[in-house]
Full PDB file with SEQRES, HELIX, SHEET, SSBOND, CRYST1, ORIGX, SCALE, CONECT and MASTER records, all heavy atoms in Angstrom:
SEQRES   1 A   33  VAL ILE ASP LEU PRO LEU ALA THR ILE GLN LYS GLY PHE          
SEQRES   2 A   33  GLU LEU ALA GLU PRO GLY ASP THR LEU PHE LEU LEU PRO          
SEQRES   3 A   33  GLY ARG PHE THR GLY SER PRO                                  
HELIX    1 AA1 ILE A    9  LEU A   15  1                                   7    
CRYST1    1.000    1.000    1.000  90.00  90.00  90.00 P 1           1          
ORIGX1      1.000000  0.000000  0.000000        0.00000                         
ORIGX2      0.000000  1.000000  0.000000        0.00000                         
ORIGX3      0.000000  0.000000  1.000000        0.00000                         
SCALE1      1.000000  0.000000  0.000000        0.00000                         
SCALE2      0.000000  1.000000  0.000000        0.00000                         
SCALE3      0.000000  0.000000  1.000000        0.00000                         
ATOM      1  N   VAL A   1      -0.379 -10.418  -1.493  1.00  0.00           N  
ATOM      2  CA  VAL A   1      -1.504 -11.224  -1.993  1.00  0.00           C  
ATOM      3  C   VAL A   1      -2.718 -10.351  -1.920  1.00  0.00           C  
ATOM      4  O   VAL A   1      -2.928  -9.685  -0.861  1.00  0.00           O  
ATOM      5  CB  VAL A   1      -1.745 -12.471  -1.058  1.00  0.00           C  
ATOM      6  CG1 VAL A   1      -2.828 -13.297  -1.562  1.00  0.00           C  
ATOM      7  CG2 VAL A   1      -0.424 -13.350  -1.067  1.00  0.00           C  
ATOM      8  N   ILE A   2      -3.504 -10.275  -2.962  1.00  0.00           N  
ATOM      9  CA  ILE A   2      -4.620  -9.352  -2.998  1.00  0.00           C  
ATOM     10  C   ILE A   2      -5.665  -9.613  -1.910  1.00  0.00           C  
ATOM     11  O   ILE A   2      -6.312  -8.724  -1.404  1.00  0.00           O  
ATOM     12  CB  ILE A   2      -5.280  -9.341  -4.418  1.00  0.00           C  
ATOM     13  CG1 ILE A   2      -6.190  -8.117  -4.590  1.00  0.00           C  
ATOM     14  CG2 ILE A   2      -6.035 -10.638  -4.677  1.00  0.00           C  
ATOM     15  CD1 ILE A   2      -6.613  -7.884  -6.021  1.00  0.00           C  
ATOM     16  N   ASP A   3      -5.781 -10.892  -1.487  1.00  0.00           N  
ATOM     17  CA  ASP A   3      -6.708 -11.259  -0.463  1.00  0.00           C  
ATOM     18  C   ASP A   3      -6.255 -10.866   0.951  1.00  0.00           C  
ATOM     19  O   ASP A   3      -6.937 -10.969   1.920  1.00  0.00           O  
ATOM     20  CB  ASP A   3      -7.076 -12.707  -0.512  1.00  0.00           C  
ATOM     21  CG  ASP A   3      -7.897 -13.001  -1.776  1.00  0.00           C  
ATOM     22  OD1 ASP A   3      -8.559 -12.132  -2.322  1.00  0.00           O  
ATOM     23  OD2 ASP A   3      -7.767 -14.255  -2.230  1.00  0.00           O  
ATOM     24  N   LEU A   4      -4.932 -10.567   1.096  1.00  0.00           N  
ATOM     25  CA  LEU A   4      -4.342 -10.206   2.388  1.00  0.00           C  
ATOM     26  C   LEU A   4      -3.628  -8.854   2.263  1.00  0.00           C  
ATOM     27  O   LEU A   4      -2.396  -8.779   2.440  1.00  0.00           O  
ATOM     28  CB  LEU A   4      -3.384 -11.291   2.851  1.00  0.00           C  
ATOM     29  CG  LEU A   4      -3.973 -12.661   3.168  1.00  0.00           C  
ATOM     30  CD1 LEU A   4      -2.920 -13.696   3.345  1.00  0.00           C  
ATOM     31  CD2 LEU A   4      -4.931 -12.594   4.298  1.00  0.00           C  
ATOM     32  N   PRO A   5      -4.359  -7.779   1.994  1.00  0.00           N  
ATOM     33  CA  PRO A   5      -3.715  -6.459   1.738  1.00  0.00           C  
ATOM     34  C   PRO A   5      -3.197  -5.771   2.965  1.00  0.00           C  
ATOM     35  O   PRO A   5      -3.651  -6.085   4.120  1.00  0.00           O  
ATOM     36  CB  PRO A   5      -4.841  -5.629   1.129  1.00  0.00           C  
ATOM     37  CG  PRO A   5      -6.084  -6.174   1.751  1.00  0.00           C  
ATOM     38  CD  PRO A   5      -5.817  -7.685   1.870  1.00  0.00           C  
ATOM     39  N   LEU A   6      -2.258  -4.951   2.802  1.00  0.00           N  
ATOM     40  CA  LEU A   6      -1.854  -4.031   3.841  1.00  0.00           C  
ATOM     41  C   LEU A   6      -2.943  -3.001   4.114  1.00  0.00           C  
ATOM     42  O   LEU A   6      -3.802  -2.781   3.269  1.00  0.00           O  
ATOM     43  CB  LEU A   6      -0.481  -3.316   3.410  1.00  0.00           C  
ATOM     44  CG  LEU A   6       0.680  -4.198   3.192  1.00  0.00           C  
ATOM     45  CD1 LEU A   6       1.744  -3.420   2.452  1.00  0.00           C  
ATOM     46  CD2 LEU A   6       1.199  -4.815   4.446  1.00  0.00           C  
ATOM     47  N   ALA A   7      -2.790  -2.220   5.202  1.00  0.00           N  
ATOM     48  CA  ALA A   7      -3.823  -1.257   5.547  1.00  0.00           C  
ATOM     49  C   ALA A   7      -3.343   0.220   5.166  1.00  0.00           C  
ATOM     50  O   ALA A   7      -4.177   1.025   4.886  1.00  0.00           O  
ATOM     51  CB  ALA A   7      -4.133  -1.276   7.020  1.00  0.00           C  
ATOM     52  N   THR A   8      -2.032   0.417   5.167  1.00  0.00           N  
ATOM     53  CA  THR A   8      -1.544   1.782   5.017  1.00  0.00           C  
ATOM     54  C   THR A   8      -0.569   1.890   3.850  1.00  0.00           C  
ATOM     55  O   THR A   8       0.320   0.973   3.634  1.00  0.00           O  
ATOM     56  CB  THR A   8      -0.919   2.341   6.253  1.00  0.00           C  
ATOM     57  OG1 THR A   8       0.257   1.617   6.579  1.00  0.00           O  
ATOM     58  CG2 THR A   8      -1.910   2.347   7.437  1.00  0.00           C  
ATOM     59  N   ILE A   9      -0.587   3.014   3.255  1.00  0.00           N  
ATOM     60  CA  ILE A   9       0.364   3.396   2.158  1.00  0.00           C  
ATOM     61  C   ILE A   9       1.790   3.453   2.754  1.00  0.00           C  
ATOM     62  O   ILE A   9       2.772   3.028   2.183  1.00  0.00           O  
ATOM     63  CB  ILE A   9       0.054   4.690   1.508  1.00  0.00           C  
ATOM     64  CG1 ILE A   9      -1.390   4.536   0.807  1.00  0.00           C  
ATOM     65  CG2 ILE A   9       1.093   5.145   0.532  1.00  0.00           C  
ATOM     66  CD1 ILE A   9      -1.973   5.855   0.356  1.00  0.00           C  
ATOM     67  N   GLN A  10       1.834   3.954   4.005  1.00  0.00           N  
ATOM     68  CA  GLN A  10       3.127   4.071   4.756  1.00  0.00           C  
ATOM     69  C   GLN A  10       3.809   2.680   4.818  1.00  0.00           C  
ATOM     70  O   GLN A  10       4.973   2.567   4.495  1.00  0.00           O  
ATOM     71  CB  GLN A  10       2.867   4.593   6.112  1.00  0.00           C  
ATOM     72  CG  GLN A  10       4.107   4.929   6.896  1.00  0.00           C  
ATOM     73  CD  GLN A  10       4.636   6.323   6.542  1.00  0.00           C  
ATOM     74  OE1 GLN A  10       3.910   7.223   6.151  1.00  0.00           O  
ATOM     75  NE2 GLN A  10       5.974   6.454   6.579  1.00  0.00           N  
ATOM     76  N   LYS A  11       3.076   1.694   5.228  1.00  0.00           N  
ATOM     77  CA  LYS A  11       3.595   0.332   5.357  1.00  0.00           C  
ATOM     78  C   LYS A  11       4.102  -0.211   3.998  1.00  0.00           C  
ATOM     79  O   LYS A  11       5.146  -0.810   3.874  1.00  0.00           O  
ATOM     80  CB  LYS A  11       2.661  -0.571   6.015  1.00  0.00           C  
ATOM     81  CG  LYS A  11       3.233  -1.992   6.276  1.00  0.00           C  
ATOM     82  CD  LYS A  11       4.315  -1.966   7.210  1.00  0.00           C  
ATOM     83  CE  LYS A  11       4.802  -3.386   7.552  1.00  0.00           C  
ATOM     84  NZ  LYS A  11       5.861  -3.409   8.507  1.00  0.00           N  
ATOM     85  N   GLY A  12       3.301   0.110   2.976  1.00  0.00           N  
ATOM     86  CA  GLY A  12       3.641  -0.357   1.624  1.00  0.00           C  
ATOM     87  C   GLY A  12       4.994   0.180   1.180  1.00  0.00           C  
ATOM     88  O   GLY A  12       5.820  -0.524   0.609  1.00  0.00           O  
ATOM     89  N   PHE A  13       5.165   1.473   1.441  1.00  0.00           N  
ATOM     90  CA  PHE A  13       6.476   2.104   1.059  1.00  0.00           C  
ATOM     91  C   PHE A  13       7.642   1.619   1.936  1.00  0.00           C  
ATOM     92  O   PHE A  13       8.746   1.513   1.445  1.00  0.00           O  
ATOM     93  CB  PHE A  13       6.361   3.576   1.124  1.00  0.00           C  
ATOM     94  CG  PHE A  13       6.016   4.222  -0.224  1.00  0.00           C  
ATOM     95  CD1 PHE A  13       4.721   4.612  -0.373  1.00  0.00           C  
ATOM     96  CD2 PHE A  13       6.856   4.322  -1.232  1.00  0.00           C  
ATOM     97  CE1 PHE A  13       4.326   5.203  -1.638  1.00  0.00           C  
ATOM     98  CE2 PHE A  13       6.506   4.843  -2.484  1.00  0.00           C  
ATOM     99  CZ  PHE A  13       5.214   5.281  -2.636  1.00  0.00           C  
ATOM    100  N   GLU A  14       7.361   1.273   3.203  1.00  0.00           N  
ATOM    101  CA  GLU A  14       8.418   0.664   4.006  1.00  0.00           C  
ATOM    102  C   GLU A  14       8.917  -0.645   3.416  1.00  0.00           C  
ATOM    103  O   GLU A  14      10.113  -0.923   3.396  1.00  0.00           O  
ATOM    104  CB  GLU A  14       7.959   0.364   5.367  1.00  0.00           C  
ATOM    105  CG  GLU A  14       7.731   1.676   6.257  1.00  0.00           C  
ATOM    106  CD  GLU A  14       7.115   1.420   7.564  1.00  0.00           C  
ATOM    107  OE1 GLU A  14       7.002   0.240   8.000  1.00  0.00           O  
ATOM    108  OE2 GLU A  14       6.660   2.401   8.197  1.00  0.00           O  
ATOM    109  N   LEU A  15       8.009  -1.417   2.774  1.00  0.00           N  
ATOM    110  CA  LEU A  15       8.401  -2.734   2.229  1.00  0.00           C  
ATOM    111  C   LEU A  15       8.925  -2.603   0.816  1.00  0.00           C  
ATOM    112  O   LEU A  15       9.627  -3.501   0.354  1.00  0.00           O  
ATOM    113  CB  LEU A  15       7.151  -3.630   2.198  1.00  0.00           C  
ATOM    114  CG  LEU A  15       6.532  -4.044   3.555  1.00  0.00           C  
ATOM    115  CD1 LEU A  15       5.233  -4.774   3.332  1.00  0.00           C  
ATOM    116  CD2 LEU A  15       7.504  -4.816   4.375  1.00  0.00           C  
ATOM    117  N   ALA A  16       8.581  -1.545   0.093  1.00  0.00           N  
ATOM    118  CA  ALA A  16       8.908  -1.452  -1.348  1.00  0.00           C  
ATOM    119  C   ALA A  16      10.387  -1.338  -1.655  1.00  0.00           C  
ATOM    120  O   ALA A  16      11.140  -0.673  -0.917  1.00  0.00           O  
ATOM    121  CB  ALA A  16       8.133  -0.259  -1.937  1.00  0.00           C  
ATOM    122  N   GLU A  17      10.715  -1.973  -2.719  1.00  0.00           N  
ATOM    123  CA  GLU A  17      12.111  -1.897  -3.270  1.00  0.00           C  
ATOM    124  C   GLU A  17      11.996  -1.387  -4.685  1.00  0.00           C  
ATOM    125  O   GLU A  17      10.876  -1.425  -5.296  1.00  0.00           O  
ATOM    126  CB  GLU A  17      12.713  -3.311  -3.255  1.00  0.00           C  
ATOM    127  CG  GLU A  17      12.964  -3.851  -1.832  1.00  0.00           C  
ATOM    128  CD  GLU A  17      13.951  -3.072  -1.044  1.00  0.00           C  
ATOM    129  OE1 GLU A  17      14.896  -2.502  -1.604  1.00  0.00           O  
ATOM    130  OE2 GLU A  17      13.824  -3.069   0.226  1.00  0.00           O  
ATOM    131  N   PRO A  18      13.119  -0.989  -5.360  1.00  0.00           N  
ATOM    132  CA  PRO A  18      13.013  -0.568  -6.726  1.00  0.00           C  
ATOM    133  C   PRO A  18      12.337  -1.598  -7.630  1.00  0.00           C  
ATOM    134  O   PRO A  18      12.558  -2.755  -7.502  1.00  0.00           O  
ATOM    135  CB  PRO A  18      14.506  -0.388  -7.152  1.00  0.00           C  
ATOM    136  CG  PRO A  18      15.161  -0.017  -5.833  1.00  0.00           C  
ATOM    137  CD  PRO A  18      14.448  -0.914  -4.836  1.00  0.00           C  
ATOM    138  N   GLY A  19      11.418  -1.096  -8.450  1.00  0.00           N  
ATOM    139  CA  GLY A  19      10.660  -1.944  -9.375  1.00  0.00           C  
ATOM    140  C   GLY A  19       9.352  -2.437  -8.808  1.00  0.00           C  
ATOM    141  O   GLY A  19       8.507  -2.963  -9.598  1.00  0.00           O  
ATOM    142  N   ASP A  20       9.067  -2.259  -7.518  1.00  0.00           N  
ATOM    143  CA  ASP A  20       7.843  -2.740  -6.910  1.00  0.00           C  
ATOM    144  C   ASP A  20       6.707  -1.750  -7.213  1.00  0.00           C  
ATOM    145  O   ASP A  20       6.905  -0.569  -7.422  1.00  0.00           O  
ATOM    146  CB  ASP A  20       8.019  -2.896  -5.408  1.00  0.00           C  
ATOM    147  CG  ASP A  20       8.947  -3.993  -4.979  1.00  0.00           C  
ATOM    148  OD1 ASP A  20       9.259  -4.820  -5.811  1.00  0.00           O  
ATOM    149  OD2 ASP A  20       9.210  -4.130  -3.759  1.00  0.00           O  
ATOM    150  N   THR A  21       5.489  -2.343  -7.222  1.00  0.00           N  
ATOM    151  CA  THR A  21       4.295  -1.525  -7.401  1.00  0.00           C  
ATOM    152  C   THR A  21       3.371  -1.674  -6.194  1.00  0.00           C  
ATOM    153  O   THR A  21       3.153  -2.804  -5.765  1.00  0.00           O  
ATOM    154  CB  THR A  21       3.548  -1.979  -8.715  1.00  0.00           C  
ATOM    155  OG1 THR A  21       4.379  -1.776  -9.850  1.00  0.00           O  
ATOM    156  CG2 THR A  21       2.308  -1.137  -8.878  1.00  0.00           C  
ATOM    157  N   LEU A  22       2.915  -0.565  -5.718  1.00  0.00           N  
ATOM    158  CA  LEU A  22       1.953  -0.536  -4.609  1.00  0.00           C  
ATOM    159  C   LEU A  22       0.592  -0.270  -5.196  1.00  0.00           C  
ATOM    160  O   LEU A  22       0.352   0.830  -5.716  1.00  0.00           O  
ATOM    161  CB  LEU A  22       2.361   0.535  -3.623  1.00  0.00           C  
ATOM    162  CG  LEU A  22       3.768   0.497  -3.051  1.00  0.00           C  
ATOM    163  CD1 LEU A  22       3.962   1.745  -2.164  1.00  0.00           C  
ATOM    164  CD2 LEU A  22       3.996  -0.748  -2.329  1.00  0.00           C  
ATOM    165  N   PHE A  23      -0.318  -1.247  -5.212  1.00  0.00           N  
ATOM    166  CA  PHE A  23      -1.665  -1.068  -5.794  1.00  0.00           C  
ATOM    167  C   PHE A  23      -2.658  -0.706  -4.660  1.00  0.00           C  
ATOM    168  O   PHE A  23      -2.777  -1.398  -3.650  1.00  0.00           O  
ATOM    169  CB  PHE A  23      -2.129  -2.330  -6.386  1.00  0.00           C  
ATOM    170  CG  PHE A  23      -1.503  -2.631  -7.742  1.00  0.00           C  
ATOM    171  CD1 PHE A  23      -0.554  -3.684  -7.886  1.00  0.00           C  
ATOM    172  CD2 PHE A  23      -1.861  -1.908  -8.875  1.00  0.00           C  
ATOM    173  CE1 PHE A  23      -0.009  -3.921  -9.097  1.00  0.00           C  
ATOM    174  CE2 PHE A  23      -1.295  -2.141 -10.070  1.00  0.00           C  
ATOM    175  CZ  PHE A  23      -0.352  -3.147 -10.218  1.00  0.00           C  
ATOM    176  N   LEU A  24      -3.234   0.435  -4.797  1.00  0.00           N  
ATOM    177  CA  LEU A  24      -4.301   0.855  -3.871  1.00  0.00           C  
ATOM    178  C   LEU A  24      -5.600   0.312  -4.380  1.00  0.00           C  
ATOM    179  O   LEU A  24      -6.113   0.626  -5.474  1.00  0.00           O  
ATOM    180  CB  LEU A  24      -4.418   2.380  -3.831  1.00  0.00           C  
ATOM    181  CG  LEU A  24      -3.205   3.134  -3.301  1.00  0.00           C  
ATOM    182  CD1 LEU A  24      -3.409   4.660  -3.265  1.00  0.00           C  
ATOM    183  CD2 LEU A  24      -2.784   2.655  -1.975  1.00  0.00           C  
ATOM    184  N   LEU A  25      -6.191  -0.544  -3.601  1.00  0.00           N  
ATOM    185  CA  LEU A  25      -7.532  -1.151  -3.924  1.00  0.00           C  
ATOM    186  C   LEU A  25      -8.572  -0.047  -3.746  1.00  0.00           C  
ATOM    187  O   LEU A  25      -8.370   0.894  -3.020  1.00  0.00           O  
ATOM    188  CB  LEU A  25      -7.794  -2.411  -3.095  1.00  0.00           C  
ATOM    189  CG  LEU A  25      -6.793  -3.546  -3.314  1.00  0.00           C  
ATOM    190  CD1 LEU A  25      -7.021  -4.666  -2.324  1.00  0.00           C  
ATOM    191  CD2 LEU A  25      -6.792  -3.985  -4.696  1.00  0.00           C  
ATOM    192  N   PRO A  26      -9.735  -0.173  -4.383  1.00  0.00           N  
ATOM    193  CA  PRO A  26     -10.704   0.835  -4.339  1.00  0.00           C  
ATOM    194  C   PRO A  26     -11.076   1.168  -2.873  1.00  0.00           C  
ATOM    195  O   PRO A  26     -11.199   0.242  -2.065  1.00  0.00           O  
ATOM    196  CB  PRO A  26     -11.922   0.255  -5.117  1.00  0.00           C  
ATOM    197  CG  PRO A  26     -11.251  -0.600  -6.119  1.00  0.00           C  
ATOM    198  CD  PRO A  26     -10.147  -1.241  -5.375  1.00  0.00           C  
ATOM    199  N   GLY A  27     -11.267   2.436  -2.622  1.00  0.00           N  
ATOM    200  CA  GLY A  27     -11.667   2.855  -1.238  1.00  0.00           C  
ATOM    201  C   GLY A  27     -11.092   4.179  -0.947  1.00  0.00           C  
ATOM    202  O   GLY A  27     -10.413   4.849  -1.771  1.00  0.00           O  
ATOM    203  N   ARG A  28     -11.249   4.679   0.255  1.00  0.00           N  
ATOM    204  CA  ARG A  28     -10.811   5.932   0.754  1.00  0.00           C  
ATOM    205  C   ARG A  28      -9.708   5.765   1.837  1.00  0.00           C  
ATOM    206  O   ARG A  28      -9.886   5.118   2.822  1.00  0.00           O  
ATOM    207  CB  ARG A  28     -11.999   6.631   1.382  1.00  0.00           C  
ATOM    208  CG  ARG A  28     -11.696   8.046   1.804  1.00  0.00           C  
ATOM    209  CD  ARG A  28     -13.026   8.748   2.299  1.00  0.00           C  
ATOM    210  NE  ARG A  28     -12.725   9.648   3.313  1.00  0.00           N  
ATOM    211  CZ  ARG A  28     -12.888   9.384   4.621  1.00  0.00           C  
ATOM    212  NH1 ARG A  28     -13.339   8.246   5.015  1.00  0.00           N  
ATOM    213  NH2 ARG A  28     -12.610  10.247   5.534  1.00  0.00           N  
ATOM    214  N   PHE A  29      -8.519   6.313   1.500  1.00  0.00           N  
ATOM    215  CA  PHE A  29      -7.377   6.236   2.404  1.00  0.00           C  
ATOM    216  C   PHE A  29      -7.236   7.623   3.125  1.00  0.00           C  
ATOM    217  O   PHE A  29      -7.270   8.640   2.472  1.00  0.00           O  
ATOM    218  CB  PHE A  29      -6.137   5.979   1.646  1.00  0.00           C  
ATOM    219  CG  PHE A  29      -6.139   4.565   0.986  1.00  0.00           C  
ATOM    220  CD1 PHE A  29      -6.724   4.348  -0.198  1.00  0.00           C  
ATOM    221  CD2 PHE A  29      -5.557   3.502   1.688  1.00  0.00           C  
ATOM    222  CE1 PHE A  29      -6.732   3.137  -0.795  1.00  0.00           C  
ATOM    223  CE2 PHE A  29      -5.567   2.224   1.092  1.00  0.00           C  
ATOM    224  CZ  PHE A  29      -6.203   2.058  -0.154  1.00  0.00           C  
ATOM    225  N   THR A  30      -7.180   7.610   4.495  1.00  0.00           N  
ATOM    226  CA  THR A  30      -7.096   8.843   5.197  1.00  0.00           C  
ATOM    227  C   THR A  30      -5.677   9.018   5.787  1.00  0.00           C  
ATOM    228  O   THR A  30      -4.910   8.118   5.831  1.00  0.00           O  
ATOM    229  CB  THR A  30      -8.153   8.792   6.407  1.00  0.00           C  
ATOM    230  OG1 THR A  30      -7.852   7.718   7.232  1.00  0.00           O  
ATOM    231  CG2 THR A  30      -9.593   8.733   5.872  1.00  0.00           C  
ATOM    232  N   GLY A  31      -5.475  10.230   6.171  1.00  0.00           N  
ATOM    233  CA  GLY A  31      -4.135  10.527   6.729  1.00  0.00           C  
ATOM    234  C   GLY A  31      -3.233  11.066   5.665  1.00  0.00           C  
ATOM    235  O   GLY A  31      -3.636  11.296   4.480  1.00  0.00           O  
ATOM    236  N   SER A  32      -1.997  11.410   5.989  1.00  0.00           N  
ATOM    237  CA  SER A  32      -0.987  12.003   5.105  1.00  0.00           C  
ATOM    238  C   SER A  32       0.224  11.089   5.195  1.00  0.00           C  
ATOM    239  O   SER A  32       1.080  11.358   6.053  1.00  0.00           O  
ATOM    240  CB  SER A  32      -0.729  13.412   5.492  1.00  0.00           C  
ATOM    241  OG  SER A  32      -1.878  14.256   5.346  1.00  0.00           O  
ATOM    242  N   PRO A  33       0.354  10.118   4.316  1.00  0.00           N  
ATOM    243  CA  PRO A  33       1.580   9.320   4.351  1.00  0.00           C  
ATOM    244  C   PRO A  33       2.842  10.165   4.178  1.00  0.00           C  
ATOM    245  O   PRO A  33       2.872  11.092   3.358  1.00  0.00           O  
ATOM    246  CB  PRO A  33       1.449   8.350   3.196  1.00  0.00           C  
ATOM    247  CG  PRO A  33       0.012   8.408   2.764  1.00  0.00           C  
ATOM    248  CD  PRO A  33      -0.542   9.703   3.213  1.00  0.00           C  
TER     249      PRO A  33                                                      
MASTER        0    0    0    1    0    0    0    6  248    1    0    3          
END                                                                             
């Protein structure tokens, strides 16, 4: 849900399955997933 986003790209990929899209909302993401 766009109003309840995840914090990290890492977590998004843990949840992702084939066909899923991980949308990065505007902002600066730090670290190296």
